[in-house]
Amino acid sequence: MSTGPNRILDELAKLVTDAAGAAQGVRREVETAFRGQAERILNSMEVVQREEFEAARDMALKAREENARLSARIDALEARLAELAGPAGKSTASAAPRAKK
């Protein structure tokens, strides 16, 4: 057992160590409470999570690419049909043009 100033320093070091551990525990609890509150606020605002947004964006990009590809295919098929129909078919084909977006 230590005596005198060494004992006081040992006790002070132990107290500081315990206080640091308690401060870390409090910090973790505050962070957890803050995150929980932030999640509740975001959920009440119906904010989309980043992963969901990116998934929807990727689906929209793929749909646009597919739409452009199919539109080009339709244009090519219409051109081929017009060629096969000849001069008589051109008046019928131009009577009902396809709406493009």
Protein backbone atom coordinates (compact mmCIF):
# COMPACT_ATOMS: atom_id res chain seq x y z
CA MET A 1 0.00 0.00 0.00
CA SER A 2 1.41 3.36 -0.98
CA THR A 3 1.51 6.29 1.37
CA GLY A 4 1.78 10.04 1.13
CA PRO A 5 1.92 11.87 -2.21
CA ASN A 6 2.14 8.64 -4.25
CA ARG A 7 -1.18 7.44 -2.86
CA ILE A 8 -2.81 10.77 -3.70
CA LEU A 9 -1.43 10.65 -7.25
CA ASP A 10 -2.61 7.07 -7.68
CA GLU A 11 -6.10 7.97 -6.49
CA LEU A 12 -6.14 11.04 -8.76
CA ALA A 13 -5.05 8.94 -11.76
CA LYS A 14 -7.76 6.39 -10.98
CA LEU A 15 -10.35 9.16 -10.69
CA VAL A 16 -9.32 10.71 -14.02
CA THR A 17 -9.41 7.30 -15.72
CA ASP A 18 -12.88 6.58 -14.34
CA ALA A 19 -14.09 10.04 -15.39
CA ALA A 20 -12.77 9.52 -18.93
CA GLY A 21 -14.56 6.18 -19.16
CA ALA A 22 -17.78 7.73 -17.89
CA ALA A 23 -17.44 10.59 -20.39
CA GLN A 24 -17.06 8.09 -23.25
CA GLY A 25 -20.16 6.26 -22.07
CA VAL A 26 -22.14 9.48 -21.94
CA ARG A 27 -20.88 10.44 -25.40
CA ARG A 28 -22.03 7.10 -26.83
CA GLU A 29 -25.45 7.49 -25.21
CA VAL A 30 -25.84 11.04 -26.57
CA GLU A 31 -24.81 9.91 -30.07
CA THR A 32 -27.31 7.04 -29.95
CA ALA A 33 -30.09 9.34 -28.76
CA PHE A 34 -29.22 11.93 -31.42
CA ARG A 35 -29.19 9.35 -34.21
CA GLY A 36 -32.52 7.95 -33.05
CA GLN A 37 -34.09 11.40 -32.95
CA ALA A 38 -32.66 12.29 -36.36
CA GLU A 39 -34.06 9.06 -37.85
CA ARG A 40 -37.49 9.77 -36.35
CA ILE A 41 -37.48 13.29 -37.81
CA LEU A 42 -36.39 12.09 -41.24
CA ASN A 43 -38.99 9.30 -41.21
CA SER A 44 -41.74 11.75 -40.27
CA MET A 45 -40.67 13.99 -43.18
CA GLU A 46 -40.82 10.95 -45.49
CA VAL A 47 -37.29 11.60 -46.74
CA VAL A 48 -36.06 8.90 -49.09
CA GLN A 49 -32.93 7.06 -48.06
CA ARG A 50 -29.95 7.41 -50.35
CA GLU A 51 -29.92 3.70 -51.28
CA GLU A 52 -33.58 3.84 -52.32
CA PHE A 53 -33.01 7.02 -54.35
CA GLU A 54 -30.02 5.55 -56.17
CA ALA A 55 -31.94 2.36 -56.95
CA ALA A 56 -34.87 4.35 -58.37
CA ARG A 57 -32.48 6.57 -60.36
CA ASP A 58 -30.74 3.52 -61.85
CA MET A 59 -34.11 2.04 -62.82
CA ALA A 60 -35.14 5.33 -64.47
CA LEU A 61 -31.87 5.49 -66.44
CA LYS A 62 -32.32 1.92 -67.66
CA ALA A 63 -35.93 2.66 -68.63
CA ARG A 64 -34.81 5.73 -70.61
CA GLU A 65 -32.16 3.73 -72.44
CA GLU A 66 -34.68 0.99 -73.22
CA ASN A 67 -37.20 3.60 -74.40
CA ALA A 68 -34.63 5.20 -76.73
CA ARG A 69 -33.62 1.79 -78.07
CA LEU A 70 -37.22 0.77 -78.71
CA SER A 71 -38.02 4.13 -80.31
CA ALA A 72 -35.10 3.73 -82.71
CA ARG A 73 -36.28 0.20 -83.50
CA ILE A 74 -39.81 1.42 -84.22
CA ASP A 75 -38.46 4.17 -86.49
CA ALA A 76 -36.38 1.62 -88.40
CA LEU A 77 -39.35 -0.75 -88.75
CA GLU A 78 -41.60 2.08 -89.94
CA ALA A 79 -38.99 3.12 -92.50
CA ARG A 80 -38.72 -0.47 -93.72
CA LEU A 81 -42.49 -0.79 -93.88
CA ALA A 82 -42.69 2.41 -95.90
CA GLU A 83 -40.06 1.06 -98.31
CA LEU A 84 -41.95 -2.21 -98.72
CA ALA A 85 -45.30 -0.46 -99.19
CA GLY A 86 -43.95 1.59 -102.07
CA PRO A 87 -45.54 4.80 -103.41
CA ALA A 88 -49.12 3.70 -102.66
CA GLY A 89 -48.31 2.99 -99.02
CA LYS A 90 -46.69 6.36 -98.35
CA SER A 91 -50.01 8.22 -98.38
CA THR A 92 -51.47 5.73 -95.87
CA ALA A 93 -48.37 5.79 -93.66
CA SER A 94 -48.26 9.58 -93.55
CA ALA A 95 -51.97 9.82 -92.71
CA ALA A 96 -51.44 8.49 -89.17
CA PRO A 97 -48.05 9.65 -87.91
CA ARG A 98 -46.78 8.24 -84.64
CA ALA A 99 -46.53 10.73 -81.77
CA LYS A 100 -42.97 11.11 -80.44
CA LYS A 101 -42.05 12.29 -76.99
